[in-house]
């Protein structure tokens, strides 16, 4: 099988588990050199250990902290010499009744899920623009395309990520740098376990109930998101920008 990302250099935030981990491992298998970041160092080390030797490097980073992002960017440039792909995957979730959620929760989610994209992207865009080539991939959510009850802070932040993606794509288009968003539906990740705990449900039962809500009758695997991220990071998608691609087992069609 050809390596579709041969020679590419990628930074993947939230790369220690779930979707970010799957993207990092798939990218490495497709020939890319990667740096993964997260606030959980132990998750990063475990992911790097699963990848082919020398293909995945790790550094702790909090995307809501400018100094932390600056230190991460310096490490990435020293390690990889530059970046061709930025995958903004780091994100947090909150749920509850609108009247019960304080404004500070909205600020916290916006700082990570939206401003985090801004900080990380700006840290690497100069080099991409100079080379007139690069891909920014923002992991949003179907929650950024439609409404849903009990998730106002999360939906608002993911709508922000979608709008930001489109604005970035428009401004960057003439430079040759693309910017697209992947909008997953229900994915089998640790975030689902956190959601189950938040709503007082048993994890396996929650997964069964969510699967019933999709036309395909199942939830996604992180690898399915990773496969789409390979396409968006490869030269195959060089003419695609500003797109928000829902992958949701038919739950959302747009």
C-alpha atoms as a PDB file:
ATOM      1  CA  UNK A   1       0.000   0.000   0.000  1.00  0.00           C
ATOM      2  CA  UNK A   2       1.351   3.456  -0.914  1.00  0.00           C
ATOM      3  CA  UNK A   3       2.104   5.866   1.900  1.00  0.00           C
ATOM      4  CA  UNK A   4      -0.160   8.810   1.191  1.00  0.00           C
ATOM      5  CA  UNK A   5       1.564  11.154   3.648  1.00  0.00           C
ATOM      6  CA  UNK A   6       5.164  10.290   2.823  1.00  0.00           C
ATOM      7  CA  UNK A   7       7.415  13.223   3.751  1.00  0.00           C
ATOM      8  CA  UNK A   8       4.649  15.130   5.538  1.00  0.00           C
ATOM      9  CA  UNK A   9       5.175  16.608   9.003  1.00  0.00           C
ATOM     10  CA  UNK A  10       2.156  16.910  11.283  1.00  0.00           C
ATOM     11  CA  UNK A  11       1.256  18.281  14.693  1.00  0.00           C
ATOM     12  CA  UNK A  12      -1.844  16.789  16.309  1.00  0.00           C
ATOM     13  CA  UNK A  13      -3.335  18.309  19.446  1.00  0.00           C
ATOM     14  CA  UNK A  14      -5.206  16.042  21.811  1.00  0.00           C
ATOM     15  CA  UNK A  15      -3.166  13.210  20.327  1.00  0.00           C
ATOM     16  CA  UNK A  16      -2.962  10.947  23.352  1.00  0.00           C
ATOM     17  CA  UNK A  17      -6.268   9.146  23.026  1.00  0.00           C
ATOM     18  CA  UNK A  18      -9.498   8.822  21.084  1.00  0.00           C
ATOM     19  CA  UNK A  19      -9.646  10.507  17.690  1.00  0.00           C
ATOM     20  CA  UNK A  20      -6.279  12.226  18.088  1.00  0.00           C
ATOM     21  CA  UNK A  21      -4.531   8.965  18.890  1.00  0.00           C
ATOM     22  CA  UNK A  22      -6.100   7.252  15.877  1.00  0.00           C
ATOM     23  CA  UNK A  23      -5.036  10.101  13.596  1.00  0.00           C
ATOM     24  CA  UNK A  24      -1.463  10.041  14.918  1.00  0.00           C
ATOM     25  CA  UNK A  25      -1.066   6.285  14.455  1.00  0.00           C
ATOM     26  CA  UNK A  26      -2.688   6.319  11.006  1.00  0.00           C
ATOM     27  CA  UNK A  27      -0.567   9.265   9.912  1.00  0.00           C
ATOM     28  CA  UNK A  28       2.581   7.465  11.046  1.00  0.00           C
ATOM     29  CA  UNK A  29       1.542   4.357   9.122  1.00  0.00           C
ATOM     30  CA  UNK A  30       1.004   6.545   6.043  1.00  0.00           C
ATOM     31  CA  UNK A  31       4.542   7.921   6.168  1.00  0.00           C
ATOM     32  CA  UNK A  32       4.171  11.126   8.198  1.00  0.00           C
ATOM     33  CA  UNK A  33       6.381  12.345  11.022  1.00  0.00           C
ATOM     34  CA  UNK A  34       4.182  13.519  13.875  1.00  0.00           C
ATOM     35  CA  UNK A  35       4.280  15.492  17.089  1.00  0.00           C
ATOM     36  CA  UNK A  36       1.336  14.829  19.380  1.00  0.00           C
ATOM     37  CA  UNK A  37       0.299  17.085  22.253  1.00  0.00           C
ATOM     38  CA  UNK A  38      -1.985  16.807  25.242  1.00  0.00           C
ATOM     39  CA  UNK A  39      -2.197  17.787  28.872  1.00  0.00           C
ATOM     40  CA  UNK A  40      -1.949  14.071  29.761  1.00  0.00           C
ATOM     41  CA  UNK A  41       1.696  13.115  29.318  1.00  0.00           C
ATOM     42  CA  UNK A  42       1.120   9.426  30.097  1.00  0.00           C
ATOM     43  CA  UNK A  43      -1.403   9.135  27.240  1.00  0.00           C
ATOM     44  CA  UNK A  44       1.066  10.713  24.821  1.00  0.00           C
ATOM     45  CA  UNK A  45       3.842   8.327  25.784  1.00  0.00           C
ATOM     46  CA  UNK A  46       1.540   5.323  25.379  1.00  0.00           C
ATOM     47  CA  UNK A  47       0.461   6.467  21.910  1.00  0.00           C
ATOM     48  CA  UNK A  48       4.039   7.123  20.774  1.00  0.00           C
ATOM     49  CA  UNK A  49       5.012   3.648  21.954  1.00  0.00           C
ATOM     50  CA  UNK A  50       2.394   2.093  19.649  1.00  0.00           C
ATOM     51  CA  UNK A  51       3.651   3.887  16.546  1.00  0.00           C
ATOM     52  CA  UNK A  52       6.482   2.750  14.278  1.00  0.00           C
ATOM     53  CA  UNK A  53       9.776   3.641  15.927  1.00  0.00           C
ATOM     54  CA  UNK A  54      10.753   7.295  15.585  1.00  0.00           C
ATOM     55  CA  UNK A  55       7.586   8.429  13.821  1.00  0.00           C
ATOM     56  CA  UNK A  56       5.623   9.974  16.695  1.00  0.00           C
ATOM     57  CA  UNK A  57       7.091  12.458  19.169  1.00  0.00           C
ATOM     58  CA  UNK A  58       5.225  13.943  22.110  1.00  0.00           C
ATOM     59  CA  UNK A  59       5.136  17.063  24.269  1.00  0.00           C
ATOM     60  CA  UNK A  60       2.693  18.261  26.891  1.00  0.00           C
ATOM     61  CA  UNK A  61       0.628  21.279  25.906  1.00  0.00           C
ATOM     62  CA  UNK A  62      -2.442  23.154  27.086  1.00  0.00           C
ATOM     63  CA  UNK A  63      -3.934  24.849  24.016  1.00  0.00           C
ATOM     64  CA  UNK A  64      -5.728  27.369  26.240  1.00  0.00           C
ATOM     65  CA  UNK A  65      -2.355  28.687  27.469  1.00  0.00           C
ATOM     66  CA  UNK A  66      -0.367  30.866  25.081  1.00  0.00           C
ATOM     67  CA  UNK A  67       2.994  30.205  26.740  1.00  0.00           C
ATOM     68  CA  UNK A  68       2.358  26.457  26.592  1.00  0.00           C
ATOM     69  CA  UNK A  69       1.547  26.666  22.874  1.00  0.00           C
ATOM     70  CA  UNK A  70       4.678  28.733  22.222  1.00  0.00           C
ATOM     71  CA  UNK A  71       6.853  26.139  23.984  1.00  0.00           C
ATOM     72  CA  UNK A  72       5.162  23.351  22.037  1.00  0.00           C
ATOM     73  CA  UNK A  73       5.687  25.157  18.719  1.00  0.00           C
ATOM     74  CA  UNK A  74       9.391  25.614  19.478  1.00  0.00           C
ATOM     75  CA  UNK A  75       9.693  21.883  20.190  1.00  0.00           C
ATOM     76  CA  UNK A  76       7.848  21.000  16.979  1.00  0.00           C
ATOM     77  CA  UNK A  77      10.075  23.203  14.822  1.00  0.00           C
ATOM     78  CA  UNK A  78      13.194  21.797  16.480  1.00  0.00           C
ATOM     79  CA  UNK A  79      11.994  18.211  16.087  1.00  0.00           C
ATOM     80  CA  UNK A  80      10.391  18.307  12.631  1.00  0.00           C
ATOM     81  CA  UNK A  81      11.983  21.382  11.072  1.00  0.00           C
ATOM     82  CA  UNK A  82       8.568  22.635   9.973  1.00  0.00           C
ATOM     83  CA  UNK A  83       4.951  21.572   9.689  1.00  0.00           C
ATOM     84  CA  UNK A  84       2.811  20.587   6.701  1.00  0.00           C
ATOM     85  CA  UNK A  85      -0.341  19.522   8.568  1.00  0.00           C
ATOM     86  CA  UNK A  86      -1.969  20.886  11.717  1.00  0.00           C
ATOM     87  CA  UNK A  87      -4.757  18.802  13.228  1.00  0.00           C
ATOM     88  CA  UNK A  88      -6.631  20.804  15.853  1.00  0.00           C
ATOM     89  CA  UNK A  89      -8.233  17.968  17.765  1.00  0.00           C
ATOM     90  CA  UNK A  90      -7.925  19.050  21.417  1.00  0.00           C
ATOM     91  CA  UNK A  91     -11.346  19.682  22.888  1.00  0.00           C
ATOM     92  CA  UNK A  92     -13.451  19.531  26.029  1.00  0.00           C
ATOM     93  CA  UNK A  93     -17.126  18.867  26.632  1.00  0.00           C
ATOM     94  CA  UNK A  94     -19.848  20.029  28.975  1.00  0.00           C
ATOM     95  CA  UNK A  95     -23.528  19.213  29.181  1.00  0.00           C
ATOM     96  CA  UNK A  96     -26.548  20.134  31.223  1.00  0.00           C
ATOM     97  CA  UNK A  97     -29.685  22.235  31.241  1.00  0.00           C
ATOM     98  CA  UNK A  98     -29.119  25.715  29.811  1.00  0.00           C
ATOM     99  CA  UNK A  99     -30.428  27.423  32.955  1.00  0.00           C
ATOM    100  CA  UNK A 100     -28.071  25.390  35.143  1.00  0.00           C
ATOM    101  CA  UNK A 101     -24.798  26.062  33.311  1.00  0.00           C
ATOM    102  CA  UNK A 102     -22.773  29.064  34.437  1.00  0.00           C
ATOM    103  CA  UNK A 103     -21.172  31.498  31.959  1.00  0.00           C
ATOM    104  CA  UNK A 104     -17.692  30.419  33.067  1.00  0.00           C
ATOM    105  CA  UNK A 105     -18.311  26.995  31.514  1.00  0.00           C
ATOM    106  CA  UNK A 106     -18.967  28.641  28.155  1.00  0.00           C
ATOM    107  CA  UNK A 107     -15.748  30.631  28.478  1.00  0.00           C
ATOM    108  CA  UNK A 108     -13.741  27.506  29.313  1.00  0.00           C
ATOM    109  CA  UNK A 109     -15.059  25.542  26.333  1.00  0.00           C
ATOM    110  CA  UNK A 110     -14.619  28.471  23.966  1.00  0.00           C
ATOM    111  CA  UNK A 111     -11.042  28.986  25.136  1.00  0.00           C
ATOM    112  CA  UNK A 112     -10.107  25.375  24.330  1.00  0.00           C
ATOM    113  CA  UNK A 113     -12.415  24.477  21.448  1.00  0.00           C
ATOM    114  CA  UNK A 114     -12.143  27.726  19.478  1.00  0.00           C
ATOM    115  CA  UNK A 115      -9.311  29.945  20.714  1.00  0.00           C
ATOM    116  CA  UNK A 116      -7.113  26.847  20.995  1.00  0.00           C
ATOM    117  CA  UNK A 117      -7.478  26.409  17.230  1.00  0.00           C
ATOM    118  CA  UNK A 118      -6.434  30.025  16.725  1.00  0.00           C
ATOM    119  CA  UNK A 119      -3.346  29.746  18.939  1.00  0.00           C
ATOM    120  CA  UNK A 120      -2.065  26.504  17.440  1.00  0.00           C
ATOM    121  CA  UNK A 121      -2.798  27.433  13.833  1.00  0.00           C
ATOM    122  CA  UNK A 122      -1.148  30.840  14.133  1.00  0.00           C
ATOM    123  CA  UNK A 123       1.940  29.176  15.616  1.00  0.00           C
ATOM    124  CA  UNK A 124       2.591  27.302  12.356  1.00  0.00           C
ATOM    125  CA  UNK A 125       0.947  29.264   9.563  1.00  0.00           C
ATOM    126  CA  UNK A 126       3.904  31.493   8.675  1.00  0.00           C
ATOM    127  CA  UNK A 127       5.933  28.506   7.480  1.00  0.00           C
ATOM    128  CA  UNK A 128       3.007  27.046   5.552  1.00  0.00           C
ATOM    129  CA  UNK A 129       2.304  30.342   3.820  1.00  0.00           C
ATOM    130  CA  UNK A 130       5.983  30.790   2.976  1.00  0.00           C
ATOM    131  CA  UNK A 131       6.041  27.334   1.340  1.00  0.00           C
ATOM    132  CA  UNK A 132       2.613  27.985  -0.218  1.00  0.00           C
ATOM    133  CA  UNK A 133       1.438  24.590   0.949  1.00  0.00           C
ATOM    134  CA  UNK A 134      -0.200  23.189   4.038  1.00  0.00           C
ATOM    135  CA  UNK A 135      -3.341  21.695   5.551  1.00  0.00           C
ATOM    136  CA  UNK A 136      -5.192  22.727   8.678  1.00  0.00           C
ATOM    137  CA  UNK A 137      -7.775  20.214   9.858  1.00  0.00           C
ATOM    138  CA  UNK A 138     -10.136  21.223  12.647  1.00  0.00           C
ATOM    139  CA  UNK A 139     -11.978  18.426  14.432  1.00  0.00           C
ATOM    140  CA  UNK A 140     -15.380  19.959  15.082  1.00  0.00           C
ATOM    141  CA  UNK A 141     -18.595  17.942  15.537  1.00  0.00           C
ATOM    142  CA  UNK A 142     -22.059  17.485  14.132  1.00  0.00           C
ATOM    143  CA  UNK A 143     -22.882  19.547  17.242  1.00  0.00           C
ATOM    144  CA  UNK A 144     -21.341  22.423  15.291  1.00  0.00           C
ATOM    145  CA  UNK A 145     -23.863  22.026  12.477  1.00  0.00           C
ATOM    146  CA  UNK A 146     -27.148  21.424  14.288  1.00  0.00           C
ATOM    147  CA  UNK A 147     -28.867  22.037  17.591  1.00  0.00           C
ATOM    148  CA  UNK A 148     -29.273  19.472  20.365  1.00  0.00           C
ATOM    149  CA  UNK A 149     -30.718  19.680  23.862  1.00  0.00           C
ATOM    150  CA  UNK A 150     -28.547  19.778  26.965  1.00  0.00           C
ATOM    151  CA  UNK A 151     -25.311  20.694  25.202  1.00  0.00           C
ATOM    152  CA  UNK A 152     -25.486  24.454  24.707  1.00  0.00           C
ATOM    153  CA  UNK A 153     -21.850  25.227  25.693  1.00  0.00           C
ATOM    154  CA  UNK A 154     -20.439  22.411  23.558  1.00  0.00           C
ATOM    155  CA  UNK A 155     -22.664  23.175  20.577  1.00  0.00           C
ATOM    156  CA  UNK A 156     -21.868  26.874  20.771  1.00  0.00           C
ATOM    157  CA  UNK A 157     -18.125  26.216  20.821  1.00  0.00           C
ATOM    158  CA  UNK A 158     -18.299  23.742  17.933  1.00  0.00           C
ATOM    159  CA  UNK A 159     -20.426  26.153  15.892  1.00  0.00           C
ATOM    160  CA  UNK A 160     -17.629  28.625  16.573  1.00  0.00           C
ATOM    161  CA  UNK A 161     -15.043  26.133  15.318  1.00  0.00           C
ATOM    162  CA  UNK A 162     -17.028  25.616  12.105  1.00  0.00           C
ATOM    163  CA  UNK A 163     -17.379  29.349  11.485  1.00  0.00           C
ATOM    164  CA  UNK A 164     -13.696  29.876  12.232  1.00  0.00           C
ATOM    165  CA  UNK A 165     -12.774  27.138   9.748  1.00  0.00           C
ATOM    166  CA  UNK A 166     -14.648  28.859   6.957  1.00  0.00           C
ATOM    167  CA  UNK A 167     -13.148  32.271   7.705  1.00  0.00           C
ATOM    168  CA  UNK A 168      -9.643  30.816   7.903  1.00  0.00           C
ATOM    169  CA  UNK A 169     -10.135  28.971   4.629  1.00  0.00           C
ATOM    170  CA  UNK A 170     -11.293  32.114   2.839  1.00  0.00           C
ATOM    171  CA  UNK A 171      -8.376  34.222   4.058  1.00  0.00           C
ATOM    172  CA  UNK A 172      -5.784  31.523   3.402  1.00  0.00           C
ATOM    173  CA  UNK A 173      -7.052  30.354   0.020  1.00  0.00           C
ATOM    174  CA  UNK A 174      -4.695  32.466  -2.094  1.00  0.00           C
ATOM    175  CA  UNK A 175      -1.692  31.203  -0.090  1.00  0.00           C
ATOM    176  CA  UNK A 176      -2.202  27.558  -1.042  1.00  0.00           C
ATOM    177  CA  UNK A 177      -2.995  26.558   2.556  1.00  0.00           C
ATOM    178  CA  UNK A 178      -6.274  24.676   2.993  1.00  0.00           C
ATOM    179  CA  UNK A 179      -8.484  24.621   6.076  1.00  0.00           C
ATOM    180  CA  UNK A 180     -11.310  22.134   6.554  1.00  0.00           C
ATOM    181  CA  UNK A 181     -13.358  20.746   9.426  1.00  0.00           C
ATOM    182  CA  UNK A 182     -14.336  17.171  10.192  1.00  0.00           C
ATOM    183  CA  UNK A 183     -17.651  16.961  12.017  1.00  0.00           C
ATOM    184  CA  UNK A 184     -18.013  13.519  13.608  1.00  0.00           C
ATOM    185  CA  UNK A 185     -21.193  12.153  15.082  1.00  0.00           C
ATOM    186  CA  UNK A 186     -21.021   9.624  17.909  1.00  0.00           C
ATOM    187  CA  UNK A 187     -17.504   8.166  18.140  1.00  0.00           C
ATOM    188  CA  UNK A 188     -16.329   5.421  20.477  1.00  0.00           C
ATOM    189  CA  UNK A 189     -13.859   7.474  22.534  1.00  0.00           C
ATOM    190  CA  UNK A 190     -13.184   8.206  26.217  1.00  0.00           C
ATOM    191  CA  UNK A 191     -15.265  11.385  25.813  1.00  0.00           C
ATOM    192  CA  UNK A 192     -18.340   9.149  25.648  1.00  0.00           C
ATOM    193  CA  UNK A 193     -17.395   7.650  29.001  1.00  0.00           C
ATOM    194  CA  UNK A 194     -17.134  11.139  30.459  1.00  0.00           C
ATOM    195  CA  UNK A 195     -20.531  12.023  29.005  1.00  0.00           C
ATOM    196  CA  UNK A 196     -22.052   8.848  30.459  1.00  0.00           C
ATOM    197  CA  UNK A 197     -20.718   9.739  33.899  1.00  0.00           C
ATOM    198  CA  UNK A 198     -22.012  13.291  33.547  1.00  0.00           C
ATOM    199  CA  UNK A 199     -25.568  12.160  32.789  1.00  0.00           C
ATOM    200  CA  UNK A 200     -25.512   9.233  35.224  1.00  0.00           C
ATOM    201  CA  UNK A 201     -25.646   6.486  32.590  1.00  0.00           C
ATOM    202  CA  UNK A 202     -23.745   3.226  32.199  1.00  0.00           C
ATOM    203  CA  UNK A 203     -21.176   3.531  29.398  1.00  0.00           C
ATOM    204  CA  UNK A 204     -22.118   0.397  27.429  1.00  0.00           C
ATOM    205  CA  UNK A 205     -25.818   1.152  27.664  1.00  0.00           C
ATOM    206  CA  UNK A 206     -25.235   4.717  26.512  1.00  0.00           C
ATOM    207  CA  UNK A 207     -23.334   3.428  23.477  1.00  0.00           C
ATOM    208  CA  UNK A 208     -26.227   1.118  22.614  1.00  0.00           C
ATOM    209  CA  UNK A 209     -28.735   3.941  22.877  1.00  0.00           C
ATOM    210  CA  UNK A 210     -26.634   6.288  20.760  1.00  0.00           C
ATOM    211  CA  UNK A 211     -26.159   3.594  18.114  1.00  0.00           C
ATOM    212  CA  UNK A 212     -29.936   3.232  17.820  1.00  0.00           C
ATOM    213  CA  UNK A 213     -30.171   6.923  16.926  1.00  0.00           C
ATOM    214  CA  UNK A 214     -28.145   6.473  13.722  1.00  0.00           C
ATOM    215  CA  UNK A 215     -29.505   5.070  10.434  1.00  0.00           C
ATOM    216  CA  UNK A 216     -26.549   2.656  10.291  1.00  0.00           C
ATOM    217  CA  UNK A 217     -27.294   1.428  13.801  1.00  0.00           C
ATOM    218  CA  UNK A 218     -23.781   1.878  15.174  1.00  0.00           C
ATOM    219  CA  UNK A 219     -21.305   4.450  16.446  1.00  0.00           C
ATOM    220  CA  UNK A 220     -18.105   5.350  14.671  1.00  0.00           C
ATOM    221  CA  UNK A 221     -14.618   4.101  15.415  1.00  0.00           C
ATOM    222  CA  UNK A 222     -11.816   6.685  15.762  1.00  0.00           C
ATOM    223  CA  UNK A 223     -10.083   5.031  12.801  1.00  0.00           C
ATOM    224  CA  UNK A 224     -12.906   6.148  10.505  1.00  0.00           C
ATOM    225  CA  UNK A 225     -12.233   9.767  11.437  1.00  0.00           C
ATOM    226  CA  UNK A 226      -8.505   9.188  10.980  1.00  0.00           C
ATOM    227  CA  UNK A 227      -9.017   7.903   7.435  1.00  0.00           C
ATOM    228  CA  UNK A 228     -10.801  11.121   6.481  1.00  0.00           C
ATOM    229  CA  UNK A 229      -8.017  13.127   8.135  1.00  0.00           C
ATOM    230  CA  UNK A 230      -5.491  11.299   5.924  1.00  0.00           C
ATOM    231  CA  UNK A 231      -7.312  12.484   2.815  1.00  0.00           C
ATOM    232  CA  UNK A 232      -7.482  16.073   4.068  1.00  0.00           C
ATOM    233  CA  UNK A 233      -3.799  16.041   4.979  1.00  0.00           C
ATOM    234  CA  UNK A 234      -2.696  14.567   1.665  1.00  0.00           C
ATOM    235  CA  UNK A 235      -2.076  16.290  -1.657  1.00  0.00           C
ATOM    236  CA  UNK A 236      -5.226  14.569  -2.939  1.00  0.00           C
ATOM    237  CA  UNK A 237      -7.358  17.251  -1.272  1.00  0.00           C
ATOM    238  CA  UNK A 238      -5.336  20.271  -2.427  1.00  0.00           C
ATOM    239  CA  UNK A 239      -8.376  21.836  -4.109  1.00  0.00           C
ATOM    240  CA  UNK A 240     -10.697  21.429  -1.140  1.00  0.00           C
ATOM    241  CA  UNK A 241     -10.964  24.169   1.464  1.00  0.00           C
ATOM    242  CA  UNK A 242     -13.600  25.681   3.742  1.00  0.00           C
ATOM    243  CA  UNK A 243     -15.550  22.432   3.917  1.00  0.00           C
ATOM    244  CA  UNK A 244     -17.297  20.969   6.963  1.00  0.00           C
ATOM    245  CA  UNK A 245     -17.627  17.242   6.456  1.00  0.00           C
ATOM    246  CA  UNK A 246     -20.119  15.372   8.592  1.00  0.00           C
ATOM    247  CA  UNK A 247     -19.272  11.724   9.259  1.00  0.00           C
ATOM    248  CA  UNK A 248     -22.039  10.334  11.412  1.00  0.00           C
ATOM    249  CA  UNK A 249     -23.344   6.996  10.128  1.00  0.00           C
ATOM    250  CA  UNK A 250     -26.107   8.888   8.334  1.00  0.00           C
ATOM    251  CA  UNK A 251     -27.362  10.693  11.443  1.00  0.00           C
ATOM    252  CA  UNK A 252     -26.668  14.078   9.883  1.00  0.00           C
ATOM    253  CA  UNK A 253     -26.724  14.556   6.124  1.00  0.00           C
ATOM    254  CA  UNK A 254     -25.633  17.958   4.866  1.00  0.00           C
END
